[in-house]
């Protein structure tokens, strides 16, 4: 039996293969982790703006008092609640975008309630009072939009902006 030559040992060596495999896999793993991070942040922002809209709607359906006419809170009070809730979660409320103006006219609640009315506040939060939510329920809607921008280098999503929408309806206690 003859001993193989030195060039055969060099071809059969596998010492550098782990480095080559890592060089191929590590960028893909890094991009996957970045994607998980940025989509997680988008979901967190979406949950935060929906929570803020829910808090605003909760304030909007709370009537002031029975002896003073049971008037609904001002739209500015509702918008202030929305911005405070967003600030508590470290989301910038100054980036709120007004909900599209192409909203359908809300259906009025039956008499003796006043007609439905929508107000866009200075913070771009749309508050609609006395809206017929279903045939048996009246309440309020609080709606606004919030931009979110991805940062995923080397992908088609890099610097892409999506618009997250918060549109909450809450039944009133009339």
Protein backbone atom coordinates (compact mmCIF):
# COMPACT_ATOMS: atom_id res chain seq x y z
CA UNK A 1 0.00 0.00 0.00
CA UNK A 2 1.39 3.34 -1.00
CA UNK A 3 1.20 6.43 1.08
CA UNK A 4 -0.88 9.27 -0.47
CA UNK A 5 0.98 12.34 -1.59
CA UNK A 6 0.95 15.66 0.31
CA UNK A 7 -1.48 17.29 -2.16
CA UNK A 8 -4.24 14.74 -1.33
CA UNK A 9 -4.10 15.65 2.37
CA UNK A 10 -4.57 19.31 1.46
CA UNK A 11 -7.70 18.59 -0.59
CA UNK A 12 -9.24 16.44 2.16
CA UNK A 13 -8.68 19.06 4.91
CA UNK A 14 -11.89 20.62 6.33
CA UNK A 15 -10.44 22.96 8.92
CA UNK A 16 -11.63 26.20 7.22
CA UNK A 17 -15.14 25.05 6.29
CA UNK A 18 -16.75 26.36 9.49
CA UNK A 19 -15.52 29.87 8.76
CA UNK A 20 -16.92 29.75 5.23
CA UNK A 21 -20.29 28.43 6.46
CA UNK A 22 -20.46 31.09 9.17
CA UNK A 23 -19.68 33.79 6.59
CA UNK A 24 -22.73 32.67 4.61
CA UNK A 25 -25.14 32.15 7.52
CA UNK A 26 -24.31 35.05 9.86
CA UNK A 27 -25.62 37.89 7.61
CA UNK A 28 -28.89 36.01 7.11
CA UNK A 29 -29.26 35.38 10.84
CA UNK A 30 -28.48 39.04 11.54
CA UNK A 31 -31.13 40.23 9.06
CA UNK A 32 -33.66 37.85 10.61
CA UNK A 33 -32.96 39.27 14.07
CA UNK A 34 -33.22 42.84 12.78
CA UNK A 35 -36.55 42.00 11.14
CA UNK A 36 -37.89 40.50 14.36
CA UNK A 37 -36.82 43.62 16.25
CA UNK A 38 -38.38 46.16 13.84
CA UNK A 39 -41.63 44.24 13.35
CA UNK A 40 -41.84 43.86 17.12
CA UNK A 41 -41.45 47.62 17.52
CA UNK A 42 -44.17 48.20 14.90
CA UNK A 43 -46.53 45.86 16.77
CA UNK A 44 -45.70 47.59 20.07
CA UNK A 45 -46.42 51.00 18.55
CA UNK A 46 -49.70 49.70 17.09
CA UNK A 47 -50.75 48.33 20.48
CA UNK A 48 -49.82 51.62 22.16
CA UNK A 49 -51.83 53.82 19.80
CA UNK A 50 -54.85 51.52 20.10
CA UNK A 51 -54.56 51.65 23.88
CA UNK A 52 -54.39 55.46 23.72
CA UNK A 53 -57.49 55.59 21.49
CA UNK A 54 -59.32 53.25 23.90
CA UNK A 55 -58.43 55.51 26.84
CA UNK A 56 -59.66 58.53 24.87
CA UNK A 57 -62.93 56.76 24.04
CA UNK A 58 -63.34 55.76 27.69
CA UNK A 59 -63.03 59.42 28.71
CA UNK A 60 -65.43 60.45 25.91
CA UNK A 61 -68.24 58.14 27.05
CA UNK A 62 -67.92 59.17 30.70
CA UNK A 63 -70.59 61.78 31.25
CA UNK A 64 -69.73 64.70 33.52
CA UNK A 65 -72.51 64.56 36.12
CA UNK A 66 -76.23 63.84 36.33
CA UNK A 67 -77.17 67.13 38.00
CA UNK A 68 -75.39 69.38 35.49
CA UNK A 69 -76.96 68.05 32.29
CA UNK A 70 -74.84 64.97 31.60
CA UNK A 71 -72.77 66.67 28.93
CA UNK A 72 -70.02 64.83 27.12
CA UNK A 73 -66.42 65.90 27.75
CA UNK A 74 -64.85 68.27 25.26
CA UNK A 75 -62.94 66.79 22.34
CA UNK A 76 -59.82 68.56 23.58
CA UNK A 77 -60.08 66.59 26.85
CA UNK A 78 -60.28 63.34 24.88
CA UNK A 79 -57.26 64.33 22.74
CA UNK A 80 -55.33 65.28 25.86
CA UNK A 81 -55.98 61.82 27.28
CA UNK A 82 -54.75 60.24 24.03
CA UNK A 83 -51.53 62.27 24.04
CA UNK A 84 -50.86 61.61 27.73
CA UNK A 85 -51.30 57.87 27.24
CA UNK A 86 -48.92 57.89 24.28
CA UNK A 87 -46.34 59.92 26.18
CA UNK A 88 -46.53 57.46 29.09
CA UNK A 89 -45.48 54.72 26.64
CA UNK A 90 -42.71 56.84 25.08
CA UNK A 91 -44.50 57.24 21.74
CA UNK A 92 -44.32 60.73 20.25
CA UNK A 93 -47.89 62.13 20.05
CA UNK A 94 -46.78 65.05 17.86
CA UNK A 95 -46.51 62.63 14.92
CA UNK A 96 -50.27 61.84 14.94
CA UNK A 97 -51.87 62.19 11.51
CA UNK A 98 -55.51 63.11 11.05
CA UNK A 99 -57.75 60.23 10.03
CA UNK A 100 -58.68 60.52 6.33
CA UNK A 101 -61.32 63.14 5.68
CA UNK A 102 -63.19 60.68 3.48
CA UNK A 103 -64.91 59.18 6.52
CA UNK A 104 -68.58 58.46 6.00
CA UNK A 105 -70.97 60.70 7.89
CA UNK A 106 -71.75 58.90 11.15
CA UNK A 107 -75.29 57.67 11.73
CA UNK A 108 -77.27 59.62 14.31
CA UNK A 109 -78.52 58.08 17.53
CA UNK A 110 -82.28 58.07 18.00
CA UNK A 111 -84.02 60.99 19.75
CA UNK A 112 -83.81 62.48 22.34
CA UNK A 113 -80.03 62.36 21.87
CA UNK A 114 -78.52 65.15 19.77
CA UNK A 115 -77.27 64.47 16.26
CA UNK A 116 -73.86 62.90 15.74
CA UNK A 117 -71.00 65.35 15.50
CA UNK A 118 -67.33 64.89 14.69
CA UNK A 119 -64.55 67.17 15.85
CA UNK A 120 -60.92 67.13 14.76
CA UNK A 121 -58.76 68.43 17.59
CA UNK A 122 -55.53 70.39 17.37
CA UNK A 123 -53.68 67.10 18.01
CA UNK A 124 -55.29 65.57 14.84
CA UNK A 125 -57.50 63.22 16.87
CA UNK A 126 -61.02 62.79 15.44
CA UNK A 127 -63.74 62.45 18.10
CA UNK A 128 -67.32 61.64 17.03
CA UNK A 129 -70.09 61.82 19.66
CA UNK A 130 -73.64 60.39 19.58
CA UNK A 131 -72.81 57.90 16.84
CA UNK A 132 -75.08 54.90 16.19
CA UNK A 133 -72.66 51.98 16.52
CA UNK A 134 -75.34 49.32 15.95
CA UNK A 135 -79.13 49.39 15.79
CA UNK A 136 -79.31 49.22 19.59
CA UNK A 137 -76.10 50.95 20.71
CA UNK A 138 -74.90 54.54 20.59
CA UNK A 139 -71.53 55.83 21.59
CA UNK A 140 -68.36 57.56 20.47
CA UNK A 141 -65.53 56.91 18.06
CA UNK A 142 -61.95 58.09 18.51
CA UNK A 143 -59.68 57.75 15.50
CA UNK A 144 -56.29 58.88 14.25
CA UNK A 145 -53.30 57.56 12.33
CA UNK A 146 -49.64 57.23 13.22
CA UNK A 147 -46.66 56.81 10.86
CA UNK A 148 -44.06 54.12 11.51
CA UNK A 149 -40.78 53.80 9.64
CA UNK A 150 -38.77 50.59 9.28
CA UNK A 151 -34.99 50.52 9.15
CA UNK A 152 -33.92 47.23 7.60
CA UNK A 153 -30.76 47.75 5.53
CA UNK A 154 -30.22 45.74 2.35
CA UNK A 155 -33.96 44.99 2.02
CA UNK A 156 -36.88 46.51 0.18
CA UNK A 157 -38.32 47.59 3.56
CA UNK A 158 -35.45 49.96 4.34
CA UNK A 159 -36.87 53.38 5.22
CA UNK A 160 -40.38 52.27 4.25
CA UNK A 161 -43.13 54.08 6.12
CA UNK A 162 -46.40 52.44 7.04
CA UNK A 163 -49.41 54.18 8.49
CA UNK A 164 -50.87 52.56 11.61
CA UNK A 165 -54.55 53.30 12.23
CA UNK A 166 -56.31 53.56 15.58
CA UNK A 167 -60.10 53.60 15.30
CA UNK A 168 -61.96 52.76 18.50
CA UNK A 169 -65.69 52.69 19.14
CA UNK A 170 -67.12 52.59 22.62
CA UNK A 171 -70.73 52.31 23.70
CA UNK A 172 -72.07 55.16 25.78
CA UNK A 173 -74.14 54.90 28.95
CA UNK A 174 -77.01 57.24 28.12
